[in-house]
C-alpha atoms as a PDB file:
ATOM      1  CA  MET A   1      17.576   4.571 -11.399  1.00  0.00           C
ATOM      2  CA  GLY A   2      19.589   2.387  -8.798  1.00  0.00           C
ATOM      3  CA  ASP A   3      18.865  -0.198  -6.364  1.00  0.00           C
ATOM      4  CA  SER A   4      17.030   2.023  -4.007  1.00  0.00           C
ATOM      5  CA  VAL A   5      14.043   2.263  -6.384  1.00  0.00           C
ATOM      6  CA  TYR A   6      11.267  -0.240  -5.999  1.00  0.00           C
ATOM      7  CA  ARG A   7       8.078  -1.194  -8.043  1.00  0.00           C
ATOM      8  CA  PHE A   8       5.557  -3.392  -6.433  1.00  0.00           C
ATOM      9  CA  GLU A   9       2.302  -4.582  -7.931  1.00  0.00           C
ATOM     10  CA  HIS A  10      -0.228  -6.748  -6.099  1.00  0.00           C
ATOM     11  CA  VAL A  11      -3.784  -8.024  -6.818  1.00  0.00           C
ATOM     12  CA  TRP A  12      -6.126  -9.160  -4.055  1.00  0.00           C
ATOM     13  CA  ARG A  13      -9.422 -10.757  -5.026  1.00  0.00           C
ATOM     14  CA  VAL A  14     -11.785 -10.385  -2.040  1.00  0.00           C
ATOM     15  CA  ASP A  15     -15.188 -11.921  -1.688  1.00  0.00           C
ATOM     16  CA  ARG A  16     -16.958  -8.543  -0.804  1.00  0.00           C
ATOM     17  CA  ASP A  17     -18.490  -5.848  -2.939  1.00  0.00           C
ATOM     18  CA  LYS A  18     -16.601  -2.796  -4.281  1.00  0.00           C
ATOM     19  CA  GLU A  19     -18.400  -0.280  -2.221  1.00  0.00           C
ATOM     20  CA  ARG A  20     -17.655  -2.070   1.113  1.00  0.00           C
ATOM     21  CA  LEU A  21     -13.923  -2.374   0.311  1.00  0.00           C
ATOM     22  CA  TRP A  22     -13.755   1.059  -0.977  1.00  0.00           C
ATOM     23  CA  ALA A  23     -15.141   2.465   2.383  1.00  0.00           C
ATOM     24  CA  MET A  24     -12.303   0.621   4.156  1.00  0.00           C
ATOM     25  CA  ILE A  25      -9.467   1.592   1.741  1.00  0.00           C
ATOM     26  CA  ALA A  26     -10.492   5.106   1.243  1.00  0.00           C
ATOM     27  CA  ASP A  27     -10.741   5.991   5.162  1.00  0.00           C
ATOM     28  CA  PHE A  28      -7.247   4.766   5.886  1.00  0.00           C
ATOM     29  CA  ARG A  29      -8.101   3.133   9.117  1.00  0.00           C
ATOM     30  CA  TYR A  30      -5.980   0.017   8.519  1.00  0.00           C
ATOM     31  CA  ASP A  31      -4.571  -0.426  12.130  1.00  0.00           C
ATOM     32  CA  GLY A  32      -7.621  -2.300  13.300  1.00  0.00           C
ATOM     33  CA  TRP A  33      -6.819  -5.170  10.755  1.00  0.00           C
ATOM     34  CA  TRP A  34      -3.348  -4.608   9.366  1.00  0.00           C
ATOM     35  CA  PRO A  35      -0.622  -5.533  11.828  1.00  0.00           C
ATOM     36  CA  ASN A  36       2.272  -3.166  12.230  1.00  0.00           C
ATOM     37  CA  VAL A  37       0.476  -0.303  10.651  1.00  0.00           C
ATOM     38  CA  GLU A  38      -0.325   3.053  12.084  1.00  0.00           C
ATOM     39  CA  ILE A  39      -2.049   5.692  10.264  1.00  0.00           C
ATOM     40  CA  GLU A  40      -3.517   9.089  11.546  1.00  0.00           C
ATOM     41  CA  ARG A  41      -5.076  11.851   9.378  1.00  0.00           C
ATOM     42  CA  ILE A  42      -3.067  15.167   9.797  1.00  0.00           C
ATOM     43  CA  ALA A  43      -5.034  17.235   7.145  1.00  0.00           C
ATOM     44  CA  THR A  44      -8.467  17.200   5.405  1.00  0.00           C
ATOM     45  CA  GLY A  45      -8.776  18.213   1.800  1.00  0.00           C
ATOM     46  CA  ALA A  46     -11.609  20.566   0.748  1.00  0.00           C
ATOM     47  CA  SER A  47     -12.950  18.386  -2.037  1.00  0.00           C
ATOM     48  CA  GLY A  48     -14.979  16.079  -0.048  1.00  0.00           C
ATOM     49  CA  ASP A  49     -14.077  12.987  -1.864  1.00  0.00           C
ATOM     50  CA  GLY A  50     -10.803  12.649   0.056  1.00  0.00           C
ATOM     51  CA  SER A  51      -8.336  14.469  -2.358  1.00  0.00           C
ATOM     52  CA  GLY A  52      -5.945  16.521  -0.468  1.00  0.00           C
ATOM     53  CA  ASN A  53      -6.345  14.408   2.784  1.00  0.00           C
ATOM     54  CA  ALA A  54      -2.959  13.728   4.370  1.00  0.00           C
ATOM     55  CA  TYR A  55      -1.970  11.014   6.700  1.00  0.00           C
ATOM     56  CA  ALA A  56       1.001  10.403   8.975  1.00  0.00           C
ATOM     57  CA  SER A  57       1.885   6.550   8.720  1.00  0.00           C
ATOM     58  CA  VAL A  58       4.270   4.225  10.471  1.00  0.00           C
ATOM     59  CA  PHE A  59       4.765   0.886   8.837  1.00  0.00           C
ATOM     60  CA  ARG A  60       6.977  -1.765  10.679  1.00  0.00           C
ATOM     61  CA  PRO A  61       7.847  -4.439   8.225  1.00  0.00           C
ATOM     62  CA  CYS A  62      10.267  -6.045  10.555  1.00  0.00           C
ATOM     63  CA  ALA A  63      11.604  -5.547  14.179  1.00  0.00           C
ATOM     64  CA  LEU A  64      14.794  -3.814  12.935  1.00  0.00           C
ATOM     65  CA  TYR A  65      13.252  -0.840  11.431  1.00  0.00           C
ATOM     66  CA  ALA A  66      10.125   1.338  10.958  1.00  0.00           C
ATOM     67  CA  LEU A  67       9.022   3.457   7.924  1.00  0.00           C
ATOM     68  CA  LYS A  68       7.700   6.842   8.675  1.00  0.00           C
ATOM     69  CA  LEU A  69       5.612   8.248   5.770  1.00  0.00           C
ATOM     70  CA  CYS A  70       3.442  11.216   4.921  1.00  0.00           C
ATOM     71  CA  VAL A  71       0.825   9.998   2.391  1.00  0.00           C
ATOM     72  CA  VAL A  72      -1.322  12.589   0.516  1.00  0.00           C
ATOM     73  CA  VAL A  73      -4.369  11.631  -1.622  1.00  0.00           C
ATOM     74  CA  VAL A  74      -3.782  13.382  -5.073  1.00  0.00           C
ATOM     75  CA  GLU A  75      -6.866  12.012  -6.801  1.00  0.00           C
ATOM     76  CA  SER A  76      -9.983  10.108  -5.507  1.00  0.00           C
ATOM     77  CA  ARG A  77     -12.625   8.591  -7.823  1.00  0.00           C
ATOM     78  CA  PRO A  78     -14.957   6.760  -5.507  1.00  0.00           C
ATOM     79  CA  PRO A  79     -15.524   3.708  -5.505  1.00  0.00           C
ATOM     80  CA  THR A  80     -12.927   3.068  -8.220  1.00  0.00           C
ATOM     81  CA  ALA A  81      -9.499   4.427  -7.696  1.00  0.00           C
ATOM     82  CA  ILE A  82      -7.333   6.543  -5.433  1.00  0.00           C
ATOM     83  CA  ALA A  83      -3.863   7.884  -6.183  1.00  0.00           C
ATOM     84  CA  LEU A  84      -1.443   8.753  -3.453  1.00  0.00           C
ATOM     85  CA  ARG A  85       1.847  10.709  -3.164  1.00  0.00           C
ATOM     86  CA  VAL A  86       4.268   9.232  -0.583  1.00  0.00           C
ATOM     87  CA  ALA A  87       6.975  11.254   1.148  1.00  0.00           C
ATOM     88  CA  GLY A  88       9.312  10.477   4.158  1.00  0.00           C
ATOM     89  CA  ASP A  89      11.502   7.385   4.438  1.00  0.00           C
ATOM     90  CA  LEU A  90      10.079   6.332   1.087  1.00  0.00           C
ATOM     91  CA  GLU A  91       9.172   8.695  -1.694  1.00  0.00           C
ATOM     92  CA  GLY A  92       7.044   8.097  -4.776  1.00  0.00           C
ATOM     93  CA  HIS A  93       3.525   7.286  -5.565  1.00  0.00           C
ATOM     94  CA  ALA A  94       0.946   4.532  -5.236  1.00  0.00           C
ATOM     95  CA  VAL A  95      -2.313   3.823  -7.007  1.00  0.00           C
ATOM     96  CA  VAL A  96      -5.201   1.648  -5.846  1.00  0.00           C
ATOM     97  CA  ARG A  97      -7.827   0.620  -8.164  1.00  0.00           C
ATOM     98  CA  LEU A  98     -11.060  -1.636  -7.382  1.00  0.00           C
ATOM     99  CA  HIS A  99     -12.898  -3.610 -10.065  1.00  0.00           C
ATOM    100  CA  GLY A 100     -16.134  -5.514  -9.456  1.00  0.00           C
ATOM    101  CA  ALA A 101     -15.839  -9.169 -10.310  1.00  0.00           C
ATOM    102  CA  GLY A 102     -19.109 -10.628  -9.856  1.00  0.00           C
ATOM    103  CA  ARG A 103     -19.723 -10.778  -5.997  1.00  0.00           C
ATOM    104  CA  ALA A 104     -16.055 -10.331  -5.332  1.00  0.00           C
ATOM    105  CA  THR A 105     -13.805  -7.273  -5.955  1.00  0.00           C
ATOM    106  CA  GLU A 106     -10.280  -7.240  -7.339  1.00  0.00           C
ATOM    107  CA  VAL A 107      -8.037  -4.636  -5.681  1.00  0.00           C
ATOM    108  CA  HIS A 108      -5.031  -3.558  -7.803  1.00  0.00           C
ATOM    109  CA  PHE A 109      -2.194  -1.985  -6.069  1.00  0.00           C
ATOM    110  CA  LEU A 110       0.689  -0.353  -7.828  1.00  0.00           C
ATOM    111  CA  MET A 111       3.544   1.380  -5.832  1.00  0.00           C
ATOM    112  CA  GLU A 112       6.712   2.991  -7.180  1.00  0.00           C
ATOM    113  CA  LEU A 113       9.002   4.080  -4.312  1.00  0.00           C
ATOM    114  CA  ALA A 114      12.542   5.038  -3.597  1.00  0.00           C
ATOM    115  CA  THR A 115      14.253   4.693  -0.269  1.00  0.00           C
ATOM    116  CA  LYS A 116      15.337   8.163   1.212  1.00  0.00           C
ATOM    117  CA  ARG A 117      16.835   6.949   4.455  1.00  0.00           C
ATOM    118  CA  LYS A 118      20.628   7.194   3.977  1.00  0.00           C
ATOM    119  CA  TRP A 119      21.288   3.790   5.393  1.00  0.00           C
ATOM    120  CA  MET A 120      18.767   2.030   3.280  1.00  0.00           C
ATOM    121  CA  SER A 121      19.848   3.687   0.099  1.00  0.00           C
ATOM    122  CA  ALA A 122      23.540   3.061   0.752  1.00  0.00           C
ATOM    123  CA  LEU A 123      22.974  -0.636   1.662  1.00  0.00           C
ATOM    124  CA  ALA A 124      20.211  -1.212  -1.068  1.00  0.00           C
ATOM    125  CA  PRO A 125      22.786  -3.197  -3.390  1.00  0.00           C
ATOM    126  CA  LEU A 126      23.035  -5.803  -0.488  1.00  0.00           C
ATOM    127  CA  LEU A 127      19.772  -5.512   1.368  1.00  0.00           C
ATOM    128  CA  ARG A 128      17.287  -5.034  -1.679  1.00  0.00           C
ATOM    129  CA  PRO A 129      16.268  -8.777  -1.468  1.00  0.00           C
ATOM    130  CA  VAL A 130      15.542  -8.293   2.363  1.00  0.00           C
ATOM    131  CA  PHE A 131      13.383  -5.070   1.809  1.00  0.00           C
ATOM    132  CA  VAL A 132      11.468  -6.858  -0.922  1.00  0.00           C
ATOM    133  CA  ARG A 133      10.712  -9.799   1.377  1.00  0.00           C
ATOM    134  CA  SER A 134       9.839  -7.520   4.133  1.00  0.00           C
ATOM    135  CA  HIS A 135       7.448  -5.707   1.815  1.00  0.00           C
ATOM    136  CA  ARG A 136       5.964  -8.971   0.646  1.00  0.00           C
ATOM    137  CA  ARG A 137       5.372 -10.201   4.373  1.00  0.00           C
ATOM    138  CA  MET A 138       3.702  -6.865   5.165  1.00  0.00           C
ATOM    139  CA  MET A 139       1.328  -7.012   2.187  1.00  0.00           C
ATOM    140  CA  ALA A 140       0.599 -10.836   3.161  1.00  0.00           C
ATOM    141  CA  ALA A 141      -0.196  -9.720   6.660  1.00  0.00           C
ATOM    142  CA  GLY A 142      -2.518  -7.124   5.204  1.00  0.00           C
ATOM    143  CA  VAL A 143      -4.367  -9.741   3.093  1.00  0.00           C
ATOM    144  CA  ALA A 144      -4.792 -11.923   6.217  1.00  0.00           C
ATOM    145  CA  GLY A 145      -5.856  -9.131   8.344  1.00  0.00           C
ATOM    146  CA  LEU A 146      -8.545  -7.928   5.941  1.00  0.00           C
ATOM    147  CA  ALA A 147      -9.927 -11.543   5.219  1.00  0.00           C
ATOM    148  CA  ALA A 148     -10.192 -12.031   8.903  1.00  0.00           C
ATOM    149  CA  TYR A 149     -11.772  -8.584   9.750  1.00  0.00           C
ATOM    150  CA  LEU A 150     -14.245  -8.887   6.804  1.00  0.00           C
ATOM    151  CA  ASP A 151     -14.692 -12.621   7.381  1.00  0.00           C
ATOM    152  CA  ALA A 152     -14.176 -13.057   3.682  1.00  0.00           C
ATOM    153  CA  ASP A 153     -12.226 -15.304   1.372  1.00  0.00           C
ATOM    154  CA  ILE A 154      -9.195 -14.203  -0.686  1.00  0.00           C
ATOM    155  CA  VAL A 155      -9.868 -16.071  -3.972  1.00  0.00           C
ATOM    156  CA  PRO A 156      -6.946 -18.499  -4.304  1.00  0.00           C
ATOM    157  CA  GLY A 157      -4.128 -17.615  -6.510  1.00  0.00           C
ATOM    158  CA  SER A 158      -5.072 -14.039  -6.647  1.00  0.00           C
ATOM    159  CA  VAL A 159      -2.566 -12.665  -4.425  1.00  0.00           C
ATOM    160  CA  HIS A 160       0.890 -12.043  -5.882  1.00  0.00           C
ATOM    161  CA  ALA A 161       3.690  -9.757  -5.517  1.00  0.00           C
ATOM    162  CA  PRO A 162       6.015  -9.729  -8.613  1.00  0.00           C
ATOM    163  CA  TYR A 163       9.351  -8.244  -8.050  1.00  0.00           C
ATOM    164  CA  ARG A 164      10.493  -6.136 -10.913  1.00  0.00           C
ATOM    165  CA  ARG A 165      13.215  -3.577 -10.998  1.00  0.00           C
ATOM    166  CA  LEU A 166      12.403  -0.249 -12.867  1.00  0.00           C
ATOM    167  CA  ALA A 167      14.597   0.015 -15.992  1.00  0.00           C
ATOM    168  CA  ARG A 168      17.910   1.787 -15.353  1.00  0.00           C
ATOM    169  CA  GLY A 169      17.977   5.039 -16.808  1.00  0.00           C
END
């Protein structure tokens, strides 16, 4: 694996119950509270739990580029976990898990993605730190937007975005 493969982990501890957060996360309507994110459902799965739903997404982590993605729900376990397959400018998978923590909920994100745009992959050895910072800023904007939208606190010290390379193989 080269410099064009990324692994991100985040934990948000939000002062709201798990069911309310699940409803927001599982319906993929983030553009009302997450800046620079556009998501539109393009297919509906037959299961009724969200599995098989597909979404066309545009993420604008900075003014210089946008990431166009197709995200498909491959597994849904309401109100606890959702697994996603990502294709487009980035390819890979993501998992979101929700854990009740008293009156709050811990939202765990794990993303393993590879760049597929030629210029991003070619320049990854040089621009990797820029891409990582852009990702972190994008996620921080999501935290701030969610907190404002819900009028909820994000428990101090619970938001992190460790940067770790996947092992080269």
